[in-house]
C-alpha atoms as a PDB file:
ATOM      1  CA  MET A   1     281.265 218.673 157.705  1.00  0.00           C
ATOM      2  CA  ALA A   2     277.749 218.246 158.912  1.00  0.00           C
ATOM      3  CA  ASP A   3     275.342 221.066 159.704  1.00  0.00           C
ATOM      4  CA  VAL A   4     273.307 221.563 163.065  1.00  0.00           C
ATOM      5  CA  ILE A   5     269.984 223.014 163.550  1.00  0.00           C
ATOM      6  CA  ALA A   6     269.416 225.232 166.602  1.00  0.00           C
ATOM      7  CA  LEU A   7     266.004 225.733 168.080  1.00  0.00           C
ATOM      8  CA  VAL A   8     265.854 229.458 169.263  1.00  0.00           C
ATOM      9  CA  LYS A   9     263.135 230.990 171.359  1.00  0.00           C
ATOM     10  CA  ILE A  10     262.882 234.596 170.830  1.00  0.00           C
ATOM     11  CA  TYR A  11     260.905 236.842 173.042  1.00  0.00           C
ATOM     12  CA  PRO A  12     259.834 239.985 171.323  1.00  0.00           C
ATOM     13  CA  SER A  13     259.573 243.371 172.925  1.00  0.00           C
ATOM     14  CA  GLU A  14     255.982 244.310 173.986  1.00  0.00           C
ATOM     15  CA  ASP A  15     255.625 246.635 171.169  1.00  0.00           C
ATOM     16  CA  VAL A  16     256.226 243.983 168.476  1.00  0.00           C
ATOM     17  CA  SER A  17     252.971 242.928 166.861  1.00  0.00           C
ATOM     18  CA  ASP A  18     254.223 241.853 163.353  1.00  0.00           C
ATOM     19  CA  MET A  19     256.254 238.701 163.786  1.00  0.00           C
ATOM     20  CA  ASP A  20     256.968 238.305 160.048  1.00  0.00           C
ATOM     21  CA  SER A  21     258.660 241.629 160.113  1.00  0.00           C
ATOM     22  CA  LEU A  22     260.800 240.668 163.096  1.00  0.00           C
ATOM     23  CA  VAL A  23     261.734 237.354 161.383  1.00  0.00           C
ATOM     24  CA  ARG A  24     262.930 239.439 158.228  1.00  0.00           C
ATOM     25  CA  ARG A  25     265.026 241.753 160.488  1.00  0.00           C
ATOM     26  CA  ILE A  26     266.562 238.720 162.268  1.00  0.00           C
ATOM     27  CA  GLU A  27     267.453 237.088 158.792  1.00  0.00           C
ATOM     28  CA  GLU A  28     269.071 240.318 157.512  1.00  0.00           C
ATOM     29  CA  SER A  29     271.211 240.544 160.700  1.00  0.00           C
ATOM     30  CA  LEU A  30     272.612 236.970 160.214  1.00  0.00           C
ATOM     31  CA  PRO A  31     275.648 236.118 158.088  1.00  0.00           C
ATOM     32  CA  SER A  32     275.126 233.853 155.226  1.00  0.00           C
ATOM     33  CA  ILE A  33     276.237 230.615 157.082  1.00  0.00           C
ATOM     34  CA  TYR A  34     272.910 230.902 159.150  1.00  0.00           C
ATOM     35  CA  ARG A  35     269.598 230.012 157.394  1.00  0.00           C
ATOM     36  CA  VAL A  36     266.185 230.165 159.006  1.00  0.00           C
ATOM     37  CA  VAL A  37     264.583 226.790 157.996  1.00  0.00           C
ATOM     38  CA  MET A  38     261.366 226.976 159.887  1.00  0.00           C
ATOM     39  CA  LYS A  39     259.544 229.440 162.171  1.00  0.00           C
ATOM     40  CA  GLU A  40     256.572 229.163 164.334  1.00  0.00           C
ATOM     41  CA  THR A  41     254.747 231.360 166.988  1.00  0.00           C
ATOM     42  CA  VAL A  42     253.978 229.975 170.380  1.00  0.00           C
ATOM     43  CA  GLU A  43     251.612 231.329 172.903  1.00  0.00           C
ATOM     44  CA  ILE A  44     253.195 232.178 176.180  1.00  0.00           C
ATOM     45  CA  ALA A  45     250.626 233.775 178.377  1.00  0.00           C
ATOM     46  CA  TYR A  46     247.703 236.392 178.161  1.00  0.00           C
ATOM     47  CA  GLY A  47     248.177 236.938 174.381  1.00  0.00           C
ATOM     48  CA  TYR A  48     251.985 237.328 174.630  1.00  0.00           C
ATOM     49  CA  LYS A  49     253.698 235.161 171.960  1.00  0.00           C
ATOM     50  CA  ALA A  50     257.127 234.012 171.486  1.00  0.00           C
ATOM     51  CA  LEU A  51     258.850 233.234 168.145  1.00  0.00           C
ATOM     52  CA  MET A  52     260.511 229.914 167.672  1.00  0.00           C
ATOM     53  CA  LEU A  53     263.038 229.641 164.803  1.00  0.00           C
ATOM     54  CA  TYR A  54     264.910 226.647 163.424  1.00  0.00           C
ATOM     55  CA  ILE A  55     268.294 227.929 162.275  1.00  0.00           C
ATOM     56  CA  ARG A  56     270.655 225.786 160.359  1.00  0.00           C
ATOM     57  CA  PHE A  57     274.474 226.319 160.376  1.00  0.00           C
ATOM     58  CA  PRO A  58     277.703 224.472 160.102  1.00  0.00           C
ATOM     59  CA  GLU A  59     278.688 222.287 163.099  1.00  0.00           C
ATOM     60  CA  ASP A  60     282.135 223.663 163.147  1.00  0.00           C
ATOM     61  CA  THR A  61     281.040 227.210 163.611  1.00  0.00           C
ATOM     62  CA  GLU A  62     283.578 228.846 165.953  1.00  0.00           C
ATOM     63  CA  GLY A  63     281.851 229.545 169.328  1.00  0.00           C
ATOM     64  CA  GLY A  64     278.891 227.292 168.766  1.00  0.00           C
ATOM     65  CA  THR A  65     275.685 229.434 169.141  1.00  0.00           C
ATOM     66  CA  GLU A  66     277.227 232.333 170.825  1.00  0.00           C
ATOM     67  CA  GLU A  67     277.477 234.540 167.784  1.00  0.00           C
ATOM     68  CA  LEU A  68     273.796 233.529 166.834  1.00  0.00           C
ATOM     69  CA  GLU A  69     272.584 234.535 170.084  1.00  0.00           C
ATOM     70  CA  THR A  70     274.538 237.800 170.157  1.00  0.00           C
ATOM     71  CA  ARG A  71     273.322 238.905 166.618  1.00  0.00           C
ATOM     72  CA  ILE A  72     269.660 237.999 167.354  1.00  0.00           C
ATOM     73  CA  ALA A  73     269.615 239.837 170.645  1.00  0.00           C
ATOM     74  CA  GLY A  74     270.839 242.885 168.835  1.00  0.00           C
ATOM     75  CA  VAL A  75     267.845 243.081 166.536  1.00  0.00           C
ATOM     76  CA  ASP A  76     265.417 245.874 167.251  1.00  0.00           C
ATOM     77  CA  GLY A  77     262.184 244.364 168.689  1.00  0.00           C
ATOM     78  CA  VAL A  78     263.981 241.517 170.366  1.00  0.00           C
ATOM     79  CA  SER A  79     263.725 241.333 174.344  1.00  0.00           C
ATOM     80  CA  SER A  80     265.573 238.071 174.872  1.00  0.00           C
ATOM     81  CA  VAL A  81     266.962 234.940 173.295  1.00  0.00           C
ATOM     82  CA  GLU A  82     267.131 231.395 174.543  1.00  0.00           C
ATOM     83  CA  ILE A  83     268.640 228.419 172.740  1.00  0.00           C
ATOM     84  CA  GLU A  84     266.191 225.540 173.381  1.00  0.00           C
ATOM     85  CA  ALA A  85     267.888 222.792 171.662  1.00  0.00           C
ATOM     86  CA  VAL A  86     270.800 221.893 169.150  1.00  0.00           C
ATOM     87  CA  THR A  87     270.790 218.848 167.006  1.00  0.00           C
ATOM     88  CA  ARG A  88     272.670 217.496 164.000  1.00  0.00           C
ATOM     89  CA  ALA A  89     270.864 218.132 160.696  1.00  0.00           C
ATOM     90  CA  LEU A  90     270.121 214.998 158.539  1.00  0.00           C
END
């Protein structure tokens, strides 16, 4: 079965300044079927930044991205989570 890659936009809490630490906490919260394959920080406005994670997981994962969103949203320092796109990995 093929894998998919979800582009996940994560809005951190206002008190988060260390994005690398936030990425580590997110990675630790995810089961082993999810792998962060790329990360980037994007400017939103007035110095506020969001985190963009590219997360790879099996395409037949039950519930699609629901578990992924729920687990990331439960991480300390995460304000909200949006799935921007999902595409099949090559």
